[in-house]
mmCIF file of all heavy atoms, coordinates in Angstrom:
data_MODEL
# 
_entry.id   MODEL 
# 
loop_
_atom_site.group_PDB 
_atom_site.id 
_atom_site.type_symbol 
_atom_site.label_atom_id 
_atom_site.label_alt_id 
_atom_site.label_comp_id 
_atom_site.label_asym_id 
_atom_site.label_entity_id 
_atom_site.label_seq_id 
_atom_site.pdbx_PDB_ins_code 
_atom_site.Cartn_x 
_atom_site.Cartn_y 
_atom_site.Cartn_z 
_atom_site.occupancy 
_atom_site.B_iso_or_equiv 
_atom_site.pdbx_formal_charge 
_atom_site.auth_seq_id 
_atom_site.auth_comp_id 
_atom_site.auth_asym_id 
_atom_site.auth_atom_id 
_atom_site.pdbx_PDB_model_num 
ATOM 1   N N   . VAL A 1 1  ? 59.978 1.940   49.720 1.00 0.00 ? 1  VAL A N   1 
ATOM 2   C CA  . VAL A 1 1  ? 59.033 1.238   48.850 1.00 0.00 ? 1  VAL A CA  1 
ATOM 3   C C   . VAL A 1 1  ? 59.446 -0.238  48.819 1.00 0.00 ? 1  VAL A C   1 
ATOM 4   O O   . VAL A 1 1  ? 60.618 -0.577  48.731 1.00 0.00 ? 1  VAL A O   1 
ATOM 5   C CB  . VAL A 1 1  ? 59.081 1.832   47.429 1.00 0.00 ? 1  VAL A CB  1 
ATOM 6   C CG1 . VAL A 1 1  ? 58.226 1.057   46.495 1.00 0.00 ? 1  VAL A CG1 1 
ATOM 7   C CG2 . VAL A 1 1  ? 58.665 3.269   47.463 1.00 0.00 ? 1  VAL A CG2 1 
ATOM 8   N N   . ASP A 1 2  ? 58.444 -1.127  48.908 1.00 0.00 ? 2  ASP A N   1 
ATOM 9   C CA  . ASP A 1 2  ? 58.711 -2.585  48.944 1.00 0.00 ? 2  ASP A CA  1 
ATOM 10  C C   . ASP A 1 2  ? 58.989 -3.155  47.569 1.00 0.00 ? 2  ASP A C   1 
ATOM 11  O O   . ASP A 1 2  ? 59.619 -4.212  47.470 1.00 0.00 ? 2  ASP A O   1 
ATOM 12  C CB  . ASP A 1 2  ? 57.535 -3.315  49.562 1.00 0.00 ? 2  ASP A CB  1 
ATOM 13  C CG  . ASP A 1 2  ? 57.325 -2.894  51.012 1.00 0.00 ? 2  ASP A CG  1 
ATOM 14  O OD1 . ASP A 1 2  ? 58.305 -2.482  51.671 1.00 0.00 ? 2  ASP A OD1 1 
ATOM 15  O OD2 . ASP A 1 2  ? 56.178 -2.974  51.465 1.00 0.00 ? 2  ASP A OD2 1 
ATOM 16  N N   . THR A 1 3  ? 58.545 -2.532  46.482 1.00 0.00 ? 3  THR A N   1 
ATOM 17  C CA  . THR A 1 3  ? 58.764 -3.026  45.161 1.00 0.00 ? 3  THR A CA  1 
ATOM 18  C C   . THR A 1 3  ? 59.110 -1.876  44.223 1.00 0.00 ? 3  THR A C   1 
ATOM 19  O O   . THR A 1 3  ? 58.783 -0.723  44.528 1.00 0.00 ? 3  THR A O   1 
ATOM 20  C CB  . THR A 1 3  ? 57.520 -3.746  44.577 1.00 0.00 ? 3  THR A CB  1 
ATOM 21  O OG1 . THR A 1 3  ? 56.444 -2.860  44.537 1.00 0.00 ? 3  THR A OG1 1 
ATOM 22  C CG2 . THR A 1 3  ? 57.192 -4.987  45.408 1.00 0.00 ? 3  THR A CG2 1 
ATOM 23  N N   . VAL A 1 4  ? 59.751 -2.201  43.120 1.00 0.00 ? 4  VAL A N   1 
ATOM 24  C CA  . VAL A 1 4  ? 60.075 -1.227  42.095 1.00 0.00 ? 4  VAL A CA  1 
ATOM 25  C C   . VAL A 1 4  ? 59.645 -1.801  40.752 1.00 0.00 ? 4  VAL A C   1 
ATOM 26  O O   . VAL A 1 4  ? 59.458 -3.021  40.623 1.00 0.00 ? 4  VAL A O   1 
ATOM 27  C CB  . VAL A 1 4  ? 61.583 -0.849  42.084 1.00 0.00 ? 4  VAL A CB  1 
ATOM 28  C CG1 . VAL A 1 4  ? 61.971 -0.127  43.349 1.00 0.00 ? 4  VAL A CG1 1 
ATOM 29  C CG2 . VAL A 1 4  ? 62.449 -2.087  41.859 1.00 0.00 ? 4  VAL A CG2 1 
ATOM 30  N N   . ARG A 1 5  ? 59.502 -0.949  39.743 1.00 0.00 ? 5  ARG A N   1 
ATOM 31  C CA  . ARG A 1 5  ? 59.111 -1.403  38.407 1.00 0.00 ? 5  ARG A CA  1 
ATOM 32  C C   . ARG A 1 5  ? 60.370 -1.792  37.638 1.00 0.00 ? 5  ARG A C   1 
ATOM 33  O O   . ARG A 1 5  ? 61.344 -1.049  37.658 1.00 0.00 ? 5  ARG A O   1 
ATOM 34  C CB  . ARG A 1 5  ? 58.320 -0.352  37.698 1.00 0.00 ? 5  ARG A CB  1 
ATOM 35  C CG  . ARG A 1 5  ? 56.976 -0.041  38.386 1.00 0.00 ? 5  ARG A CG  1 
ATOM 36  C CD  . ARG A 1 5  ? 56.214 1.081   37.749 1.00 0.00 ? 5  ARG A CD  1 
ATOM 37  N NE  . ARG A 1 5  ? 55.882 0.884   36.384 1.00 0.00 ? 5  ARG A NE  1 
ATOM 38  C CZ  . ARG A 1 5  ? 54.862 0.146   35.907 1.00 0.00 ? 5  ARG A CZ  1 
ATOM 39  N NH1 . ARG A 1 5  ? 54.084 -0.477  36.766 1.00 0.00 ? 5  ARG A NH1 1 
ATOM 40  N NH2 . ARG A 1 5  ? 54.634 0.030   34.637 1.00 0.00 ? 5  ARG A NH2 1 
ATOM 41  N N   . ALA A 1 6  ? 60.291 -2.930  36.938 1.00 0.00 ? 6  ALA A N   1 
ATOM 42  C CA  . ALA A 1 6  ? 61.425 -3.375  36.108 1.00 0.00 ? 6  ALA A CA  1 
ATOM 43  C C   . ALA A 1 6  ? 60.898 -4.182  34.919 1.00 0.00 ? 6  ALA A C   1 
ATOM 44  O O   . ALA A 1 6  ? 59.794 -4.747  34.974 1.00 0.00 ? 6  ALA A O   1 
ATOM 45  C CB  . ALA A 1 6  ? 62.381 -4.195  36.940 1.00 0.00 ? 6  ALA A CB  1 
ATOM 46  N N   . THR A 1 7  ? 61.696 -4.307  33.894 1.00 0.00 ? 7  THR A N   1 
ATOM 47  C CA  . THR A 1 7  ? 61.348 -5.058  32.671 1.00 0.00 ? 7  THR A CA  1 
ATOM 48  C C   . THR A 1 7  ? 61.707 -6.522  32.859 1.00 0.00 ? 7  THR A C   1 
ATOM 49  O O   . THR A 1 7  ? 62.816 -6.857  33.312 1.00 0.00 ? 7  THR A O   1 
ATOM 50  C CB  . THR A 1 7  ? 62.075 -4.459  31.447 1.00 0.00 ? 7  THR A CB  1 
ATOM 51  O OG1 . THR A 1 7  ? 61.772 -3.082  31.348 1.00 0.00 ? 7  THR A OG1 1 
ATOM 52  C CG2 . THR A 1 7  ? 61.644 -5.166  30.195 1.00 0.00 ? 7  THR A CG2 1 
ATOM 53  N N   . VAL A 1 8  ? 60.795 -7.374  32.484 1.00 0.00 ? 8  VAL A N   1 
ATOM 54  C CA  . VAL A 1 8  ? 60.984 -8.827  32.581 1.00 0.00 ? 8  VAL A CA  1 
ATOM 55  C C   . VAL A 1 8  ? 60.616 -9.493  31.217 1.00 0.00 ? 8  VAL A C   1 
ATOM 56  O O   . VAL A 1 8  ? 59.880 -8.890  30.418 1.00 0.00 ? 8  VAL A O   1 
ATOM 57  C CB  . VAL A 1 8  ? 60.134 -9.474  33.718 1.00 0.00 ? 8  VAL A CB  1 
ATOM 58  C CG1 . VAL A 1 8  ? 60.598 -9.006  35.050 1.00 0.00 ? 8  VAL A CG1 1 
ATOM 59  C CG2 . VAL A 1 8  ? 58.645 -9.224  33.526 1.00 0.00 ? 8  VAL A CG2 1 
ATOM 60  N N   . ARG A 1 9  ? 61.131 -10.710 31.030 1.00 0.00 ? 9  ARG A N   1 
ATOM 61  C CA  . ARG A 1 9  ? 60.794 -11.487 29.829 1.00 0.00 ? 9  ARG A CA  1 
ATOM 62  C C   . ARG A 1 9  ? 60.292 -12.858 30.278 1.00 0.00 ? 9  ARG A C   1 
ATOM 63  O O   . ARG A 1 9  ? 60.750 -13.411 31.269 1.00 0.00 ? 9  ARG A O   1 
ATOM 64  C CB  . ARG A 1 9  ? 62.000 -11.665 28.925 1.00 0.00 ? 9  ARG A CB  1 
ATOM 65  C CG  . ARG A 1 9  ? 62.399 -10.418 28.214 1.00 0.00 ? 9  ARG A CG  1 
ATOM 66  C CD  . ARG A 1 9  ? 63.309 -10.748 27.050 1.00 0.00 ? 9  ARG A CD  1 
ATOM 67  N NE  . ARG A 1 9  ? 63.648 -9.524  26.348 1.00 0.00 ? 9  ARG A NE  1 
ATOM 68  C CZ  . ARG A 1 9  ? 64.850 -8.994  26.231 1.00 0.00 ? 9  ARG A CZ  1 
ATOM 69  N NH1 . ARG A 1 9  ? 65.888 -9.622  26.737 1.00 0.00 ? 9  ARG A NH1 1 
ATOM 70  N NH2 . ARG A 1 9  ? 65.037 -7.871  25.587 1.00 0.00 ? 9  ARG A NH2 1 
ATOM 71  N N   . TRP A 1 10 ? 59.353 -13.398 29.506 1.00 0.00 ? 10 TRP A N   1 
ATOM 72  C CA  . TRP A 1 10 ? 58.815 -14.732 29.827 1.00 0.00 ? 10 TRP A CA  1 
ATOM 73  C C   . TRP A 1 10 ? 58.350 -15.379 28.524 1.00 0.00 ? 10 TRP A C   1 
ATOM 74  O O   . TRP A 1 10 ? 58.187 -14.732 27.504 1.00 0.00 ? 10 TRP A O   1 
ATOM 75  C CB  . TRP A 1 10 ? 57.673 -14.644 30.839 1.00 0.00 ? 10 TRP A CB  1 
ATOM 76  C CG  . TRP A 1 10 ? 56.435 -14.029 30.273 1.00 0.00 ? 10 TRP A CG  1 
ATOM 77  C CD1 . TRP A 1 10 ? 55.351 -14.650 29.765 1.00 0.00 ? 10 TRP A CD1 1 
ATOM 78  C CD2 . TRP A 1 10 ? 56.140 -12.623 30.148 1.00 0.00 ? 10 TRP A CD2 1 
ATOM 79  N NE1 . TRP A 1 10 ? 54.410 -13.758 29.333 1.00 0.00 ? 10 TRP A NE1 1 
ATOM 80  C CE2 . TRP A 1 10 ? 54.878 -12.510 29.555 1.00 0.00 ? 10 TRP A CE2 1 
ATOM 81  C CE3 . TRP A 1 10 ? 56.837 -11.454 30.491 1.00 0.00 ? 10 TRP A CE3 1 
ATOM 82  C CZ2 . TRP A 1 10 ? 54.301 -11.284 29.284 1.00 0.00 ? 10 TRP A CZ2 1 
ATOM 83  C CZ3 . TRP A 1 10 ? 56.249 -10.234 30.234 1.00 0.00 ? 10 TRP A CZ3 1 
ATOM 84  C CH2 . TRP A 1 10 ? 54.998 -10.149 29.626 1.00 0.00 ? 10 TRP A CH2 1 
ATOM 85  N N   . ARG A 1 11 ? 58.138 -16.673 28.605 1.00 0.00 ? 11 ARG A N   1 
ATOM 86  C CA  . ARG A 1 11 ? 57.567 -17.408 27.459 1.00 0.00 ? 11 ARG A CA  1 
ATOM 87  C C   . ARG A 1 11 ? 56.194 -17.905 27.831 1.00 0.00 ? 11 ARG A C   1 
ATOM 88  O O   . ARG A 1 11 ? 55.952 -18.339 28.935 1.00 0.00 ? 11 ARG A O   1 
ATOM 89  C CB  . ARG A 1 11 ? 58.471 -18.604 27.124 1.00 0.00 ? 11 ARG A CB  1 
ATOM 90  C CG  . ARG A 1 11 ? 59.821 -18.179 26.571 1.00 0.00 ? 11 ARG A CG  1 
ATOM 91  C CD  . ARG A 1 11 ? 60.560 -19.331 25.966 1.00 0.00 ? 11 ARG A CD  1 
ATOM 92  N NE  . ARG A 1 11 ? 61.851 -18.933 25.468 1.00 0.00 ? 11 ARG A NE  1 
ATOM 93  C CZ  . ARG A 1 11 ? 62.082 -18.417 24.251 1.00 0.00 ? 11 ARG A CZ  1 
ATOM 94  N NH1 . ARG A 1 11 ? 61.033 -18.257 23.437 1.00 0.00 ? 11 ARG A NH1 1 
ATOM 95  N NH2 . ARG A 1 11 ? 63.282 -18.040 23.865 1.00 0.00 ? 11 ARG A NH2 1 
ATOM 96  N N   . ASP A 1 12 ? 55.274 -17.825 26.845 1.00 0.00 ? 12 ASP A N   1 
ATOM 97  C CA  . ASP A 1 12 ? 53.928 -18.306 27.087 1.00 0.00 ? 12 ASP A CA  1 
ATOM 98  C C   . ASP A 1 12 ? 53.848 -19.821 26.836 1.00 0.00 ? 12 ASP A C   1 
ATOM 99  O O   . ASP A 1 12 ? 54.873 -20.471 26.579 1.00 0.00 ? 12 ASP A O   1 
ATOM 100 C CB  . ASP A 1 12 ? 52.892 -17.535 26.221 1.00 0.00 ? 12 ASP A CB  1 
ATOM 101 C CG  . ASP A 1 12 ? 53.109 -17.696 24.750 1.00 0.00 ? 12 ASP A CG  1 
ATOM 102 O OD1 . ASP A 1 12 ? 53.864 -18.602 24.342 1.00 0.00 ? 12 ASP A OD1 1 
ATOM 103 O OD2 . ASP A 1 12 ? 52.499 -16.914 23.979 1.00 0.00 ? 12 ASP A OD2 1 
ATOM 104 N N   . ALA A 1 13 ? 52.653 -20.370 26.808 1.00 0.00 ? 13 ALA A N   1 
ATOM 105 C CA  . ALA A 1 13 ? 52.480 -21.806 26.635 1.00 0.00 ? 13 ALA A CA  1 
ATOM 106 C C   . ALA A 1 13 ? 52.979 -22.286 25.291 1.00 0.00 ? 13 ALA A C   1 
ATOM 107 O O   . ALA A 1 13 ? 53.334 -23.458 25.129 1.00 0.00 ? 13 ALA A O   1 
ATOM 108 C CB  . ALA A 1 13 ? 50.981 -22.173 26.819 1.00 0.00 ? 13 ALA A CB  1 
ATOM 109 N N   . ARG A 1 14 ? 53.001 -21.403 24.264 1.00 0.00 ? 14 ARG A N   1 
ATOM 110 C CA  . ARG A 1 14 ? 53.487 -21.792 22.905 1.00 0.00 ? 14 ARG A CA  1 
ATOM 111 C C   . ARG A 1 14 ? 54.941 -21.436 22.746 1.00 0.00 ? 14 ARG A C   1 
ATOM 112 O O   . ARG A 1 14 ? 55.446 -21.398 21.583 1.00 0.00 ? 14 ARG A O   1 
ATOM 113 C CB  . ARG A 1 14 ? 52.642 -21.090 21.871 1.00 0.00 ? 14 ARG A CB  1 
ATOM 114 C CG  . ARG A 1 14 ? 51.180 -21.586 21.853 1.00 0.00 ? 14 ARG A CG  1 
ATOM 115 C CD  . ARG A 1 14 ? 50.413 -20.844 20.836 1.00 0.00 ? 14 ARG A CD  1 
ATOM 116 N NE  . ARG A 1 14 ? 50.331 -19.426 21.243 1.00 0.00 ? 14 ARG A NE  1 
ATOM 117 C CZ  . ARG A 1 14 ? 49.361 -18.601 20.992 1.00 0.00 ? 14 ARG A CZ  1 
ATOM 118 N NH1 . ARG A 1 14 ? 48.320 -19.027 20.317 1.00 0.00 ? 14 ARG A NH1 1 
ATOM 119 N NH2 . ARG A 1 14 ? 49.362 -17.348 21.427 1.00 0.00 ? 14 ARG A NH2 1 
ATOM 120 N N   . SER A 1 15 ? 55.624 -21.133 23.810 1.00 0.00 ? 15 SER A N   1 
ATOM 121 C CA  . SER A 1 15 ? 57.054 -20.743 23.827 1.00 0.00 ? 15 SER A CA  1 
ATOM 122 C C   . SER A 1 15 ? 57.333 -19.446 23.078 1.00 0.00 ? 15 SER A C   1 
ATOM 123 O O   . SER A 1 15 ? 58.454 -19.264 22.604 1.00 0.00 ? 15 SER A O   1 
ATOM 124 C CB  . SER A 1 15 ? 57.900 -21.910 23.224 1.00 0.00 ? 15 SER A CB  1 
ATOM 125 O OG  . SER A 1 15 ? 57.845 -23.034 24.073 1.00 0.00 ? 15 SER A OG  1 
ATOM 126 N N   . THR A 1 16 ? 56.356 -18.580 22.954 1.00 0.00 ? 16 THR A N   1 
ATOM 127 C CA  . THR A 1 16 ? 56.584 -17.274 22.356 1.00 0.00 ? 16 THR A CA  1 
ATOM 128 C C   . THR A 1 16 ? 57.170 -16.345 23.409 1.00 0.00 ? 16 THR A C   1 
ATOM 129 O O   . THR A 1 16 ? 56.662 -16.297 24.529 1.00 0.00 ? 16 THR A O   1 
ATOM 130 C CB  . THR A 1 16 ? 55.278 -16.711 21.805 1.00 0.00 ? 16 THR A CB  1 
ATOM 131 O OG1 . THR A 1 16 ? 54.696 -17.622 20.931 1.00 0.00 ? 16 THR A OG1 1 
ATOM 132 C CG2 . THR A 1 16 ? 55.506 -15.390 21.104 1.00 0.00 ? 16 THR A CG2 1 
ATOM 133 N N   . LEU A 1 17 ? 58.206 -15.629 23.083 1.00 0.00 ? 17 LEU A N   1 
ATOM 134 C CA  . LEU A 1 17 ? 58.876 -14.729 24.001 1.00 0.00 ? 17 LEU A CA  1 
ATOM 135 C C   . LEU A 1 17 ? 58.097 -13.427 24.148 1.00 0.00 ? 17 LEU A C   1 
ATOM 136 O O   . LEU A 1 17 ? 57.746 -12.815 23.120 1.00 0.00 ? 17 LEU A O   1 
ATOM 137 C CB  . LEU A 1 17 ? 60.324 -14.467 23.558 1.00 0.00 ? 17 LEU A CB  1 
ATOM 138 C CG  . LEU A 1 17 ? 61.199 -13.700 24.536 1.00 0.00 ? 17 LEU A CG  1 
ATOM 139 C CD1 . LEU A 1 17 ? 61.354 -14.473 25.848 1.00 0.00 ? 17 LEU A CD1 1 
ATOM 140 C CD2 . LEU A 1 17 ? 62.553 -13.409 23.898 1.00 0.00 ? 17 LEU A CD2 1 
ATOM 141 N N   . HIS A 1 18 ? 57.871 -12.986 25.358 1.00 0.00 ? 18 HIS A N   1 
ATOM 142 C CA  . HIS A 1 18 ? 57.175 -11.721 25.643 1.00 0.00 ? 18 HIS A CA  1 
ATOM 143 C C   . HIS A 1 18 ? 58.013 -10.906 26.611 1.00 0.00 ? 18 HIS A C   1 
ATOM 144 O O   . HIS A 1 18 ? 58.849 -11.454 27.365 1.00 0.00 ? 18 HIS A O   1 
ATOM 145 C CB  . HIS A 1 18 ? 55.812 -11.972 26.289 1.00 0.00 ? 18 HIS A CB  1 
ATOM 146 C CG  . HIS A 1 18 ? 54.849 -12.753 25.468 1.00 0.00 ? 18 HIS A CG  1 
ATOM 147 N ND1 . HIS A 1 18 ? 54.072 -12.152 24.498 1.00 0.00 ? 18 HIS A ND1 1 
ATOM 148 C CD2 . HIS A 1 18 ? 54.548 -14.049 25.428 1.00 0.00 ? 18 HIS A CD2 1 
ATOM 149 C CE1 . HIS A 1 18 ? 53.326 -13.053 23.928 1.00 0.00 ? 18 HIS A CE1 1 
ATOM 150 N NE2 . HIS A 1 18 ? 53.580 -14.255 24.483 1.00 0.00 ? 18 HIS A NE2 1 
ATOM 151 N N   . SER A 1 19 ? 57.787 -9.606  26.628 1.00 0.00 ? 19 SER A N   1 
ATOM 152 C CA  . SER A 1 19 ? 58.447 -8.786  27.646 1.00 0.00 ? 19 SER A CA  1 
ATOM 153 C C   . SER A 1 19 ? 57.401 -7.752  28.128 1.00 0.00 ? 19 SER A C   1 
ATOM 154 O O   . SER A 1 19 ? 56.464 -7.427  27.462 1.00 0.00 ? 19 SER A O   1 
ATOM 155 C CB  . SER A 1 19 ? 59.677 -8.051  27.065 1.00 0.00 ? 19 SER A CB  1 
ATOM 156 O OG  . SER A 1 19 ? 59.267 -7.154  26.078 1.00 0.00 ? 19 SER A OG  1 
ATOM 157 N N   . GLY A 1 20 ? 57.628 -7.307  29.344 1.00 0.00 ? 20 GLY A N   1 
ATOM 158 C CA  . GLY A 1 20 ? 56.737 -6.344  29.960 1.00 0.00 ? 20 GLY A CA  1 
ATOM 159 C C   . GLY A 1 20 ? 57.330 -5.786  31.260 1.00 0.00 ? 20 GLY A C   1 
ATOM 160 O O   . GLY A 1 20 ? 58.431 -6.175  31.650 1.00 0.00 ? 20 GLY A O   1 
ATOM 161 N N   . VAL A 1 21 ? 56.609 -4.886  31.856 1.00 0.00 ? 21 VAL A N   1 
ATOM 162 C CA  . VAL A 1 21 ? 57.069 -4.264  33.077 1.00 0.00 ? 21 VAL A CA  1 
ATOM 163 C C   . VAL A 1 21 ? 56.211 -4.745  34.217 1.00 0.00 ? 21 VAL A C   1 
ATOM 164 O O   . VAL A 1 21 ? 54.965 -4.800  34.130 1.00 0.00 ? 21 VAL A O   1 
ATOM 165 C CB  . VAL A 1 21 ? 56.989 -2.716  32.962 1.00 0.00 ? 21 VAL A CB  1 
ATOM 166 C CG1 . VAL A 1 21 ? 57.403 -2.080  34.256 1.00 0.00 ? 21 VAL A CG1 1 
ATOM 167 C CG2 . VAL A 1 21 ? 57.870 -2.256  31.802 1.00 0.00 ? 21 VAL A CG2 1 
ATOM 168 N N   . THR A 1 22 ? 56.823 -5.086  35.335 1.00 0.00 ? 22 THR A N   1 
ATOM 169 C CA  . THR A 1 22 ? 56.093 -5.559  36.525 1.00 0.00 ? 22 THR A CA  1 
ATOM 170 C C   . THR A 1 22 ? 56.827 -5.084  37.766 1.00 0.00 ? 22 THR A C   1 
ATOM 171 O O   . THR A 1 22 ? 57.916 -4.511  37.705 1.00 0.00 ? 22 THR A O   1 
ATOM 172 C CB  . THR A 1 22 ? 55.941 -7.106  36.522 1.00 0.00 ? 22 THR A CB  1 
ATOM 173 O OG1 . THR A 1 22 ? 55.047 -7.480  37.539 1.00 0.00 ? 22 THR A OG1 1 
ATOM 174 C CG2 . THR A 1 22 ? 57.296 -7.766  36.725 1.00 0.00 ? 22 THR A CG2 1 
ATOM 175 N N   . GLN A 1 23 ? 56.241 -5.339  38.902 1.00 0.00 ? 23 GLN A N   1 
ATOM 176 C CA  . GLN A 1 23 ? 56.835 -4.980  40.188 1.00 0.00 ? 23 GLN A CA  1 
ATOM 177 C C   . GLN A 1 23 ? 57.774 -6.062  40.644 1.00 0.00 ? 23 GLN A C   1 
ATOM 178 O O   . GLN A 1 23 ? 57.404 -7.264  40.601 1.00 0.00 ? 23 GLN A O   1 
ATOM 179 C CB  . GLN A 1 23 ? 55.742 -4.725  41.230 1.00 0.00 ? 23 GLN A CB  1 
ATOM 180 C CG  . GLN A 1 23 ? 54.779 -3.643  40.928 1.00 0.00 ? 23 GLN A CG  1 
ATOM 181 C CD  . GLN A 1 23 ? 55.373 -2.277  41.025 1.00 0.00 ? 23 GLN A CD  1 
ATOM 182 O OE1 . GLN A 1 23 ? 56.370 -2.047  41.719 1.00 0.00 ? 23 GLN A OE1 1 
ATOM 183 N NE2 . GLN A 1 23 ? 54.797 -1.327  40.290 1.00 0.00 ? 23 GLN A NE2 1 
ATOM 184 N N   . VAL A 1 24 ? 58.986 -5.709  41.047 1.00 0.00 ? 24 VAL A N   1 
ATOM 185 C CA  . VAL A 1 24 ? 59.963 -6.663  41.548 1.00 0.00 ? 24 VAL A CA  1 
ATOM 186 C C   . VAL A 1 24 ? 60.572 -6.130  42.849 1.00 0.00 ? 24 VAL A C   1 
ATOM 187 O O   . VAL A 1 24 ? 60.401 -4.981  43.197 1.00 0.00 ? 24 VAL A O   1 
ATOM 188 C CB  . VAL A 1 24 ? 61.071 -6.941  40.492 1.00 0.00 ? 24 VAL A CB  1 
ATOM 189 C CG1 . VAL A 1 24 ? 60.488 -7.512  39.233 1.00 0.00 ? 24 VAL A CG1 1 
ATOM 190 C CG2 . VAL A 1 24 ? 61.865 -5.665  40.219 1.00 0.00 ? 24 VAL A CG2 1 
# 
């Protein structure tokens, strides 16, 4: 498999912290 699912964190335009699962 070329990618696996993993949890990531990011900040939106208002600098609010979010987390979610994406392919890495």
